[in-house]
Amino acid sequence: MRERLNLLNRRLNELKSVYDENERLKSFIGFKKTIAYFTVPAQVIGRDPTNWSNSIIINKGANDGVRQNRAVLSTKGLVGRVLEVGRRSAKILLISDPNSKVGVVIQKNRQGGILIGRPDGKCKMIYISLDSDVALGDKVITAGFGEIFPKDILVGEVVRVGKEPGRLYKYAIVRPVEDLSRLEEVLCIR
């Protein structure tokens, strides 16, 4: 009886994993239908094992239409850009990487700035005007400057505002809209 119970519990856990994946993929497909960009869906198949870079490896590459320096999204918003492309895989630089820079604006007042990554998984928006009314909870979206990041994609939410001594600008700490350490699927804009 105990052996049968253990078998049923193990089977229940397996079915729960399949159910969770199915729900995630249904959400993913629904999101793909609502965006106005041609995208390539991909699965995360690896992460940078060092602490030098916040990047992921996906299972799609040049053969699938993935191109370097294109935005990468999750169902919640921006997660990064394509850094390197192989034939069947690609490396994605996450927005939380210190080498990442994204032109952004605060959604409510269109105050612009640059979003740079931080080692703690959050981002820092710099060059915010001192007279800006940026506040906790404000949404941050892409500005749409340049060719990499389309305009008005949700990036994150302001969790702290400050001013560094001797600077003429404020900064805001931004929590990405997606938990970048838990990504399993992404969409690469073509």
N, C-alpha and C. Protein backbone atom coordinates (compact mmCIF):
# COMPACT_ATOMS: atom_id res chain seq x y z
N MET A 1 0.83 -1.19 0.00
CA MET A 1 0.00 0.00 0.00
C MET A 1 0.88 1.27 0.00
N ARG A 2 1.92 1.26 0.83
CA ARG A 2 2.82 2.40 0.92
C ARG A 2 3.54 2.63 -0.43
N GLU A 3 3.95 1.53 -1.07
CA GLU A 3 4.61 1.62 -2.37
C GLU A 3 3.66 2.22 -3.41
N ARG A 4 2.43 1.82 -3.39
CA ARG A 4 1.41 2.35 -4.31
C ARG A 4 1.20 3.84 -4.05
N LEU A 5 1.14 4.26 -2.81
CA LEU A 5 0.97 5.67 -2.46
C LEU A 5 2.15 6.50 -2.96
N ASN A 6 3.37 6.01 -2.78
CA ASN A 6 4.55 6.71 -3.28
C ASN A 6 4.51 6.85 -4.80
N LEU A 7 4.09 5.81 -5.49
CA LEU A 7 3.98 5.84 -6.94
C LEU A 7 2.96 6.89 -7.38
N LEU A 8 1.81 6.92 -6.73
CA LEU A 8 0.77 7.89 -7.07
C LEU A 8 1.22 9.32 -6.78
N ASN A 9 1.94 9.55 -5.68
CA ASN A 9 2.45 10.88 -5.36
C ASN A 9 3.47 11.35 -6.40
N ARG A 10 4.33 10.43 -6.83
CA ARG A 10 5.32 10.77 -7.85
C ARG A 10 4.61 11.12 -9.17
N ARG A 11 3.61 10.36 -9.53
CA ARG A 11 2.84 10.61 -10.75
C ARG A 11 2.10 11.95 -10.66
N LEU A 12 1.56 12.25 -9.50
CA LEU A 12 0.87 13.53 -9.29
C LEU A 12 1.84 14.70 -9.48
N ASN A 13 3.05 14.59 -8.96
CA ASN A 13 4.06 15.64 -9.14
C ASN A 13 4.43 15.82 -10.61
N GLU A 14 4.54 14.72 -11.34
CA GLU A 14 4.85 14.80 -12.78
C GLU A 14 3.73 15.51 -13.53
N LEU A 15 2.48 15.16 -13.21
CA LEU A 15 1.35 15.80 -13.87
C LEU A 15 1.25 17.29 -13.52
N LYS A 16 1.59 17.64 -12.30
CA LYS A 16 1.59 19.06 -11.89
C LYS A 16 2.59 19.85 -12.72
N SER A 17 3.77 19.28 -12.98
CA SER A 17 4.79 19.94 -13.80
C SER A 17 4.28 20.14 -15.23
N VAL A 18 3.64 19.13 -15.77
CA VAL A 18 3.09 19.23 -17.13
C VAL A 18 1.98 20.28 -17.18
N TYR A 19 1.11 20.28 -16.17
CA TYR A 19 0.03 21.27 -16.11
C TYR A 19 0.60 22.69 -16.04
N ASP A 20 1.59 22.92 -15.18
CA ASP A 20 2.20 24.25 -15.05
C ASP A 20 2.82 24.70 -16.36
N GLU A 21 3.53 23.79 -17.03
CA GLU A 21 4.14 24.13 -18.32
C GLU A 21 3.07 24.46 -19.35
N ASN A 22 1.99 23.70 -19.38
CA ASN A 22 0.89 23.94 -20.31
C ASN A 22 0.28 25.32 -20.08
N GLU A 23 0.04 25.69 -18.84
CA GLU A 23 -0.52 27.01 -18.52
C GLU A 23 0.43 28.13 -18.95
N ARG A 24 1.73 27.94 -18.70
CA ARG A 24 2.72 28.94 -19.10
C ARG A 24 2.76 29.11 -20.61
N LEU A 25 2.72 28.01 -21.33
CA LEU A 25 2.78 28.07 -22.80
C LEU A 25 1.50 28.65 -23.39
N LYS A 26 0.35 28.38 -22.79
CA LYS A 26 -0.90 28.99 -23.26
C LYS A 26 -0.83 30.51 -23.11
N SER A 27 -0.31 30.96 -21.99
CA SER A 27 -0.13 32.40 -21.77
C SER A 27 0.83 32.98 -22.80
N PHE A 28 1.88 32.26 -23.07
CA PHE A 28 2.91 32.67 -24.03
C PHE A 28 2.32 32.81 -25.43
N ILE A 29 1.54 31.83 -25.85
CA ILE A 29 0.92 31.87 -27.18
C ILE A 29 -0.08 33.01 -27.27
N GLY A 30 -0.87 33.20 -26.23
CA GLY A 30 -1.83 34.31 -26.21
C GLY A 30 -1.13 35.65 -26.31
N PHE A 31 -0.01 35.81 -25.62
CA PHE A 31 0.75 37.05 -25.67
C PHE A 31 1.31 37.28 -27.06
N LYS A 32 1.85 36.24 -27.69
CA LYS A 32 2.44 36.34 -29.03
C LYS A 32 1.41 36.87 -30.03
N LYS A 33 0.15 36.49 -29.87
CA LYS A 33 -0.90 36.94 -30.78
C LYS A 33 -1.24 38.41 -30.59
N THR A 34 -0.96 38.99 -29.42
CA THR A 34 -1.36 40.37 -29.13
C THR A 34 -0.30 41.40 -29.49
N ILE A 35 0.94 41.00 -29.75
CA ILE A 35 1.97 41.99 -30.05
C ILE A 35 2.07 42.22 -31.55
N ALA A 36 2.51 43.41 -31.92
CA ALA A 36 2.52 43.82 -33.32
C ALA A 36 3.83 43.53 -34.03
N TYR A 37 4.66 42.68 -33.47
CA TYR A 37 5.97 42.39 -34.06
C TYR A 37 6.02 40.94 -34.52
N PHE A 38 6.82 40.70 -35.54
CA PHE A 38 7.13 39.32 -35.92
C PHE A 38 8.14 38.81 -34.91
N THR A 39 7.86 37.68 -34.32
CA THR A 39 8.74 37.16 -33.27
C THR A 39 9.06 35.69 -33.51
N VAL A 40 10.15 35.28 -32.88
CA VAL A 40 10.56 33.88 -32.88
C VAL A 40 10.50 33.39 -31.43
N PRO A 41 9.61 32.44 -31.12
CA PRO A 41 9.58 31.91 -29.76
C PRO A 41 10.76 30.97 -29.53
N ALA A 42 11.31 31.01 -28.32
CA ALA A 42 12.47 30.18 -28.01
C ALA A 42 12.44 29.76 -26.55
N GLN A 43 13.10 28.66 -26.28
CA GLN A 43 13.25 28.17 -24.90
C GLN A 43 14.64 28.50 -24.40
N VAL A 44 14.71 28.81 -23.12
CA VAL A 44 16.00 29.03 -22.47
C VAL A 44 16.62 27.65 -22.23
N ILE A 45 17.85 27.47 -22.75
CA ILE A 45 18.51 26.18 -22.59
C ILE A 45 19.79 26.27 -21.77
N GLY A 46 20.17 27.49 -21.38
CA GLY A 46 21.37 27.64 -20.58
C GLY A 46 21.49 29.02 -19.98
N ARG A 47 22.32 29.11 -18.97
CA ARG A 47 22.61 30.39 -18.31
C ARG A 47 24.11 30.53 -18.19
N ASP A 48 24.57 31.77 -18.14
CA ASP A 48 26.00 32.01 -17.98
C ASP A 48 26.41 31.50 -16.60
N PRO A 49 27.34 30.56 -16.55
CA PRO A 49 27.71 29.97 -15.26
C PRO A 49 28.57 30.88 -14.39
N THR A 50 29.09 31.97 -14.97
CA THR A 50 29.92 32.88 -14.19
C THR A 50 29.06 34.01 -13.64
N ASN A 51 29.61 34.77 -12.76
CA ASN A 51 28.92 35.97 -12.26
C ASN A 51 29.32 37.21 -13.04
N TRP A 52 30.04 37.03 -14.14
CA TRP A 52 30.52 38.17 -14.91
C TRP A 52 29.44 38.73 -15.83
N SER A 53 28.45 37.94 -16.13
CA SER A 53 27.46 38.35 -17.12
C SER A 53 26.10 37.81 -16.74
N ASN A 54 25.08 38.60 -16.96
CA ASN A 54 23.70 38.15 -16.81
C ASN A 54 23.19 37.86 -18.21
N SER A 55 23.36 36.63 -18.63
CA SER A 55 22.94 36.25 -19.98
C SER A 55 22.34 34.85 -19.95
N ILE A 56 21.59 34.56 -21.00
CA ILE A 56 21.00 33.24 -21.18
C ILE A 56 21.28 32.75 -22.59
N ILE A 57 21.15 31.46 -22.79
CA ILE A 57 21.29 30.85 -24.10
C ILE A 57 19.91 30.31 -24.48
N ILE A 58 19.50 30.57 -25.73
CA ILE A 58 18.21 30.06 -26.21
C ILE A 58 18.43 29.03 -27.31
N ASN A 59 17.39 28.26 -27.60
CA ASN A 59 17.50 27.16 -28.55
C ASN A 59 17.16 27.55 -29.99
N LYS A 60 17.18 28.83 -30.30
CA LYS A 60 16.93 29.29 -31.67
C LYS A 60 18.08 30.20 -32.08
N GLY A 61 18.37 30.19 -33.39
CA GLY A 61 19.48 30.98 -33.91
C GLY A 61 19.20 31.51 -35.29
N ALA A 62 20.26 31.74 -36.06
CA ALA A 62 20.16 32.34 -37.40
C ALA A 62 19.27 31.50 -38.32
N ASN A 63 19.32 30.19 -38.20
CA ASN A 63 18.48 29.33 -39.04
C ASN A 63 16.99 29.55 -38.79
N ASP A 64 16.65 30.10 -37.63
CA ASP A 64 15.25 30.32 -37.24
C ASP A 64 14.82 31.78 -37.41
N GLY A 65 15.73 32.64 -37.86
CA GLY A 65 15.39 34.05 -38.05
C GLY A 65 15.81 34.97 -36.91
N VAL A 66 16.53 34.46 -35.93
CA VAL A 66 17.02 35.30 -34.83
C VAL A 66 18.17 36.14 -35.36
N ARG A 67 18.14 37.44 -35.04
CA ARG A 67 19.18 38.34 -35.53
C ARG A 67 19.81 39.11 -34.37
N GLN A 68 21.09 39.41 -34.53
CA GLN A 68 21.83 40.13 -33.49
C GLN A 68 21.24 41.52 -33.29
N ASN A 69 21.34 42.01 -32.05
CA ASN A 69 20.87 43.34 -31.67
C ASN A 69 19.38 43.55 -31.91
N ARG A 70 18.59 42.54 -31.56
CA ARG A 70 17.14 42.65 -31.58
C ARG A 70 16.62 42.43 -30.17
N ALA A 71 15.51 43.07 -29.86
CA ALA A 71 14.92 42.97 -28.52
C ALA A 71 14.39 41.57 -28.26
N VAL A 72 14.43 41.19 -26.98
CA VAL A 72 13.91 39.91 -26.52
C VAL A 72 12.89 40.18 -25.42
N LEU A 73 11.72 39.56 -25.54
CA LEU A 73 10.61 39.80 -24.63
C LEU A 73 10.21 38.54 -23.88
N SER A 74 9.51 38.75 -22.77
CA SER A 74 8.77 37.69 -22.11
C SER A 74 7.30 38.08 -22.25
N THR A 75 6.42 37.30 -21.65
CA THR A 75 5.00 37.67 -21.73
C THR A 75 4.69 38.93 -20.92
N LYS A 76 5.62 39.34 -20.06
CA LYS A 76 5.39 40.53 -19.23
C LYS A 76 6.06 41.78 -19.78
N GLY A 77 7.14 41.64 -20.55
CA GLY A 77 7.83 42.82 -21.07
C GLY A 77 9.24 42.51 -21.53
N LEU A 78 10.06 43.55 -21.59
CA LEU A 78 11.42 43.45 -22.10
C LEU A 78 12.32 42.68 -21.13
N VAL A 79 13.14 41.76 -21.68
CA VAL A 79 14.10 41.04 -20.86
C VAL A 79 15.54 41.25 -21.32
N GLY A 80 15.75 41.66 -22.57
CA GLY A 80 17.12 41.86 -23.04
C GLY A 80 17.21 42.05 -24.53
N ARG A 81 18.41 41.74 -25.06
CA ARG A 81 18.65 41.83 -26.50
C ARG A 81 19.56 40.70 -26.93
N VAL A 82 19.48 40.36 -28.21
CA VAL A 82 20.31 39.28 -28.75
C VAL A 82 21.73 39.81 -28.87
N LEU A 83 22.66 39.13 -28.21
CA LEU A 83 24.06 39.54 -28.20
C LEU A 83 24.87 38.80 -29.26
N GLU A 84 24.73 37.49 -29.31
CA GLU A 84 25.46 36.67 -30.28
C GLU A 84 24.50 35.66 -30.88
N VAL A 85 24.69 35.36 -32.17
CA VAL A 85 23.81 34.42 -32.86
C VAL A 85 24.64 33.32 -33.51
N GLY A 86 24.29 32.09 -33.19
CA GLY A 86 24.84 30.93 -33.88
C GLY A 86 23.79 30.39 -34.84
N ARG A 87 24.08 29.29 -35.48
CA ARG A 87 23.10 28.73 -36.42
C ARG A 87 21.85 28.23 -35.72
N ARG A 88 22.02 27.60 -34.55
CA ARG A 88 20.88 26.99 -33.87
C ARG A 88 20.68 27.47 -32.44
N SER A 89 21.44 28.45 -32.03
CA SER A 89 21.29 28.99 -30.68
C SER A 89 21.73 30.45 -30.68
N ALA A 90 21.41 31.14 -29.59
CA ALA A 90 21.78 32.55 -29.47
C ALA A 90 22.00 32.89 -28.00
N LYS A 91 22.84 33.88 -27.77
CA LYS A 91 23.11 34.37 -26.42
C LYS A 91 22.36 35.69 -26.25
N ILE A 92 21.62 35.78 -25.16
CA ILE A 92 20.81 36.96 -24.86
C ILE A 92 21.41 37.70 -23.68
N LEU A 93 21.69 38.99 -23.86
CA LEU A 93 22.17 39.83 -22.77
C LEU A 93 20.95 40.39 -22.05
N LEU A 94 20.80 40.05 -20.79
CA LEU A 94 19.64 40.49 -20.02
C LEU A 94 19.78 41.96 -19.62
N ILE A 95 18.66 42.62 -19.39
CA ILE A 95 18.69 44.04 -19.01
C ILE A 95 19.34 44.26 -17.66
N SER A 96 19.48 43.22 -16.87
CA SER A 96 20.12 43.33 -15.55
C SER A 96 21.64 43.25 -15.62
N ASP A 97 22.20 43.02 -16.79
CA ASP A 97 23.65 42.96 -16.95
C ASP A 97 24.23 44.37 -16.92
N PRO A 98 25.34 44.59 -16.20
CA PRO A 98 25.94 45.93 -16.15
C PRO A 98 26.36 46.49 -17.52
N ASN A 99 26.52 45.64 -18.53
CA ASN A 99 26.85 46.11 -19.87
C ASN A 99 25.62 46.47 -20.70
N SER A 100 24.44 46.24 -20.17
CA SER A 100 23.20 46.54 -20.88
C SER A 100 22.82 48.01 -20.69
N LYS A 101 22.42 48.64 -21.80
CA LYS A 101 21.93 50.02 -21.77
C LYS A 101 20.70 50.11 -22.66
N VAL A 102 19.62 50.67 -22.10
CA VAL A 102 18.36 50.77 -22.83
C VAL A 102 17.81 52.18 -22.62
N GLY A 103 17.42 52.84 -23.71
CA GLY A 103 16.74 54.13 -23.61
C GLY A 103 15.32 53.90 -23.12
N VAL A 104 14.95 54.56 -22.01
CA VAL A 104 13.64 54.34 -21.40
C VAL A 104 12.99 55.67 -21.04
N VAL A 105 11.69 55.60 -20.76
CA VAL A 105 10.95 56.75 -20.23
C VAL A 105 10.04 56.26 -19.10
N ILE A 106 9.73 57.17 -18.19
CA ILE A 106 8.74 56.87 -17.16
C ILE A 106 7.38 57.07 -17.81
N GLN A 107 6.55 56.08 -17.72
CA GLN A 107 5.30 56.08 -18.47
C GLN A 107 4.40 57.27 -18.17
N LYS A 108 4.25 57.65 -16.90
CA LYS A 108 3.26 58.67 -16.54
C LYS A 108 3.64 60.08 -16.99
N ASN A 109 4.95 60.38 -17.05
CA ASN A 109 5.34 61.76 -17.39
C ASN A 109 6.30 61.86 -18.56
N ARG A 110 6.65 60.73 -19.17
CA ARG A 110 7.53 60.66 -20.34
C ARG A 110 8.93 61.19 -20.06
N GLN A 111 9.34 61.23 -18.80
CA GLN A 111 10.70 61.62 -18.43
C GLN A 111 11.66 60.55 -18.92
N GLY A 112 12.64 60.95 -19.71
CA GLY A 112 13.57 60.00 -20.29
C GLY A 112 14.79 59.74 -19.44
N GLY A 113 15.49 58.67 -19.77
CA GLY A 113 16.73 58.32 -19.11
C GLY A 113 17.32 57.08 -19.75
N ILE A 114 18.41 56.62 -19.17
CA ILE A 114 19.08 55.41 -19.64
C ILE A 114 19.00 54.36 -18.53
N LEU A 115 18.61 53.15 -18.91
CA LEU A 115 18.52 52.05 -17.97
C LEU A 115 19.77 51.20 -18.11
N ILE A 116 20.48 51.02 -16.99
CA ILE A 116 21.66 50.16 -17.00
C ILE A 116 21.46 49.04 -15.98
N GLY A 117 22.07 47.90 -16.25
CA GLY A 117 21.92 46.76 -15.36
C GLY A 117 22.77 46.89 -14.11
N ARG A 118 22.40 46.12 -13.11
CA ARG A 118 23.14 46.06 -11.85
C ARG A 118 23.36 44.60 -11.48
N PRO A 119 24.43 44.30 -10.76
CA PRO A 119 24.72 42.91 -10.39
C PRO A 119 23.65 42.25 -9.50
N ASP A 120 22.81 43.06 -8.83
CA ASP A 120 21.81 42.48 -7.92
C ASP A 120 20.52 42.05 -8.62
N GLY A 121 20.48 42.14 -9.96
CA GLY A 121 19.29 41.72 -10.70
C GLY A 121 18.31 42.84 -10.97
N LYS A 122 18.54 43.99 -10.38
CA LYS A 122 17.70 45.15 -10.65
C LYS A 122 18.41 46.01 -11.70
N CYS A 123 17.81 47.13 -12.05
CA CYS A 123 18.39 48.06 -13.01
C CYS A 123 18.38 49.46 -12.40
N LYS A 124 19.18 50.34 -12.98
CA LYS A 124 19.25 51.71 -12.51
C LYS A 124 18.98 52.65 -13.69
N MET A 125 17.96 53.50 -13.53
CA MET A 125 17.65 54.50 -14.54
C MET A 125 18.38 55.78 -14.15
N ILE A 126 19.25 56.25 -15.04
CA ILE A 126 20.05 57.44 -14.74
C ILE A 126 19.64 58.58 -15.67
N TYR A 127 20.13 59.78 -15.34
CA TYR A 127 19.87 61.01 -16.09
C TYR A 127 18.41 61.45 -16.00
N ILE A 128 17.81 61.28 -14.84
CA ILE A 128 16.45 61.78 -14.62
C ILE A 128 16.55 63.22 -14.11
N SER A 129 15.84 64.11 -14.72
CA SER A 129 15.87 65.53 -14.34
C SER A 129 15.53 65.70 -12.86
N LEU A 130 16.23 66.64 -12.20
CA LEU A 130 16.00 66.88 -10.77
C LEU A 130 14.57 67.31 -10.47
N ASP A 131 13.91 68.00 -11.40
CA ASP A 131 12.55 68.46 -11.15
C ASP A 131 11.48 67.45 -11.58
N SER A 132 11.90 66.27 -11.97
CA SER A 132 10.96 65.22 -12.37
C SER A 132 10.22 64.69 -11.15
N ASP A 133 8.95 64.35 -11.34
CA ASP A 133 8.15 63.84 -10.23
C ASP A 133 8.13 62.31 -10.21
N VAL A 134 9.23 61.68 -10.51
CA VAL A 134 9.33 60.22 -10.47
C VAL A 134 9.06 59.73 -9.05
N ALA A 135 8.28 58.64 -8.95
CA ALA A 135 7.87 58.14 -7.64
C ALA A 135 7.88 56.61 -7.63
N LEU A 136 7.87 56.06 -6.42
CA LEU A 136 7.80 54.61 -6.27
C LEU A 136 6.56 54.07 -6.98
N GLY A 137 6.71 52.96 -7.67
CA GLY A 137 5.59 52.35 -8.37
C GLY A 137 5.41 52.80 -9.80
N ASP A 138 6.12 53.86 -10.22
CA ASP A 138 6.01 54.32 -11.61
C ASP A 138 6.49 53.23 -12.56
N LYS A 139 5.78 53.07 -13.66
CA LYS A 139 6.16 52.10 -14.68
C LYS A 139 7.20 52.72 -15.62
N VAL A 140 8.17 51.90 -16.02
CA VAL A 140 9.23 52.32 -16.93
C VAL A 140 9.06 51.52 -18.22
N ILE A 141 9.08 52.23 -19.37
CA ILE A 141 8.88 51.61 -20.67
C ILE A 141 10.01 52.03 -21.61
N THR A 142 10.16 51.30 -22.71
CA THR A 142 11.21 51.64 -23.67
C THR A 142 10.86 52.94 -24.38
N ALA A 143 11.90 53.71 -24.70
CA ALA A 143 11.72 55.00 -25.37
C ALA A 143 11.57 54.83 -26.88
N GLY A 144 12.13 53.77 -27.44
CA GLY A 144 12.01 53.53 -28.87
C GLY A 144 13.06 54.23 -29.71
N PHE A 145 14.12 54.73 -29.07
CA PHE A 145 15.19 55.36 -29.83
C PHE A 145 16.09 54.28 -30.41
N GLY A 146 16.55 54.46 -31.63
CA GLY A 146 17.43 53.47 -32.23
C GLY A 146 16.65 52.34 -32.86
N GLU A 147 17.35 51.29 -33.24
CA GLU A 147 16.73 50.20 -33.97
C GLU A 147 16.57 48.92 -33.16
N ILE A 148 17.06 48.91 -31.93
CA ILE A 148 17.03 47.66 -31.17
C ILE A 148 15.72 47.47 -30.42
N PHE A 149 15.31 48.46 -29.65
CA PHE A 149 14.16 48.32 -28.77
C PHE A 149 12.98 49.14 -29.28
N PRO A 150 11.88 48.48 -29.67
CA PRO A 150 10.68 49.22 -30.08
C PRO A 150 10.13 50.06 -28.93
N LYS A 151 9.33 51.05 -29.27
CA LYS A 151 8.76 51.98 -28.31
C LYS A 151 7.66 51.33 -27.46
N ASP A 152 7.57 51.78 -26.21
CA ASP A 152 6.46 51.47 -25.29
C ASP A 152 6.38 50.02 -24.82
N ILE A 153 7.50 49.32 -24.73
CA ILE A 153 7.50 47.98 -24.14
C ILE A 153 7.78 48.13 -22.65
N LEU A 154 6.97 47.50 -21.83
CA LEU A 154 7.13 47.58 -20.38
C LEU A 154 8.47 46.96 -19.97
N VAL A 155 9.20 47.67 -19.11
CA VAL A 155 10.51 47.21 -18.65
C VAL A 155 10.48 46.86 -17.17
N GLY A 156 9.87 47.72 -16.37
CA GLY A 156 9.86 47.47 -14.93
C GLY A 156 9.14 48.56 -14.15
N GLU A 157 9.40 48.55 -12.85
CA GLU A 157 8.73 49.46 -11.92
C GLU A 157 9.76 50.08 -10.99
N VAL A 158 9.61 51.38 -10.73
CA VAL A 158 10.51 52.10 -9.84
C VAL A 158 10.30 51.63 -8.40
N VAL A 159 11.41 51.23 -7.74
CA VAL A 159 11.33 50.78 -6.35
C VAL A 159 12.10 51.70 -5.40
N ARG A 160 12.91 52.60 -5.97
CA ARG A 160 13.64 53.56 -5.14
C ARG A 160 14.09 54.73 -6.01
N VAL A 161 14.08 55.93 -5.42
CA VAL A 161 14.53 57.13 -6.13
C VAL A 161 15.58 57.82 -5.26
N GLY A 162 16.62 58.35 -5.90
CA GLY A 162 17.66 59.02 -5.14
C GLY A 162 18.45 60.00 -5.99
N LYS A 163 19.41 60.65 -5.36
CA LYS A 163 20.32 61.57 -6.05
C LYS A 163 21.71 61.32 -5.50
N GLU A 164 22.64 61.12 -6.41
CA GLU A 164 24.02 60.91 -5.98
C GLU A 164 24.67 62.26 -5.72
N PRO A 165 25.50 62.36 -4.68
CA PRO A 165 26.14 63.63 -4.35
C PRO A 165 26.96 64.17 -5.52
N GLY A 166 26.81 65.46 -5.77
CA GLY A 166 27.58 66.12 -6.82
C GLY A 166 27.03 65.93 -8.22
N ARG A 167 25.92 65.23 -8.37
CA ARG A 167 25.34 65.02 -9.70
C ARG A 167 24.18 65.98 -9.92
N LEU A 168 23.91 66.26 -11.17
CA LEU A 168 22.82 67.16 -11.53
C LEU A 168 21.56 66.42 -11.93
N TYR A 169 21.54 65.11 -11.66
CA TYR A 169 20.41 64.28 -12.04
C TYR A 169 20.01 63.35 -10.90
N LYS A 170 18.76 62.91 -10.95
CA LYS A 170 18.28 61.86 -10.05
C LYS A 170 18.54 60.50 -10.70
N TYR A 171 18.36 59.48 -9.91
CA TYR A 171 18.35 58.12 -10.45
C TYR A 171 17.17 57.38 -9.84
N ALA A 172 16.80 56.29 -10.48
CA ALA A 172 15.74 55.42 -9.96
C ALA A 172 16.20 53.98 -10.07
N ILE A 173 15.97 53.21 -9.02
CA ILE A 173 16.22 51.77 -9.08
C ILE A 173 14.93 51.14 -9.60
N VAL A 174 15.09 50.29 -10.62
CA VAL A 174 13.94 49.70 -11.31
C VAL A 174 14.00 48.18 -11.17
N ARG A 175 12.89 47.62 -10.70
CA ARG A 175 12.77 46.16 -10.64
C ARG A 175 12.19 45.70 -11.98
N PRO A 176 12.90 44.84 -12.71
CA PRO A 176 12.36 44.36 -13.99
C PRO A 176 10.99 43.71 -13.81
N VAL A 177 10.16 43.84 -14.82
CA VAL A 177 8.80 43.32 -14.77
C VAL A 177 8.80 41.79 -14.71
N GLU A 178 9.85 41.18 -15.19
CA GLU A 178 9.98 39.72 -15.20
C GLU A 178 11.11 39.31 -14.27
N ASP A 179 10.93 38.21 -13.56
CA ASP A 179 12.02 37.64 -12.75
C ASP A 179 12.99 36.97 -13.72
N LEU A 180 14.09 37.64 -14.01
CA LEU A 180 15.01 37.20 -15.05
C LEU A 180 15.73 35.90 -14.68
N SER A 181 15.77 35.56 -13.42
CA SER A 181 16.42 34.32 -13.01
C SER A 181 15.53 33.09 -13.24
N ARG A 182 14.28 33.32 -13.61
CA ARG A 182 13.34 32.21 -13.78
C ARG A 182 12.80 32.09 -15.20
N LEU A 183 13.42 32.77 -16.14
CA LEU A 183 12.94 32.71 -17.53
C LEU A 183 13.04 31.29 -18.08
N GLU A 184 12.00 30.87 -18.77
CA GLU A 184 12.02 29.57 -19.43
C GLU A 184 11.73 29.70 -20.92
N GLU A 185 10.92 30.68 -21.30
CA GLU A 185 10.60 30.94 -22.70
C GLU A 185 10.71 32.44 -22.97
N VAL A 186 11.11 32.78 -24.19
CA VAL A 186 11.21 34.18 -24.60
C VAL A 186 10.74 34.33 -26.05
N LEU A 187 10.50 35.57 -26.45
CA LEU A 187 10.19 35.90 -27.83
C LEU A 187 11.25 36.85 -28.36
N CYS A 188 11.88 36.49 -29.47
CA CYS A 188 12.90 37.35 -30.09
C CYS A 188 12.24 38.11 -31.22
N ILE A 189 12.30 39.43 -31.17
CA ILE A 189 11.74 40.24 -32.25
C ILE A 189 12.64 40.10 -33.47
N ARG A 190 12.01 39.90 -34.63
CA ARG A 190 12.78 39.73 -35.87
C ARG A 190 13.00 41.04 -36.58
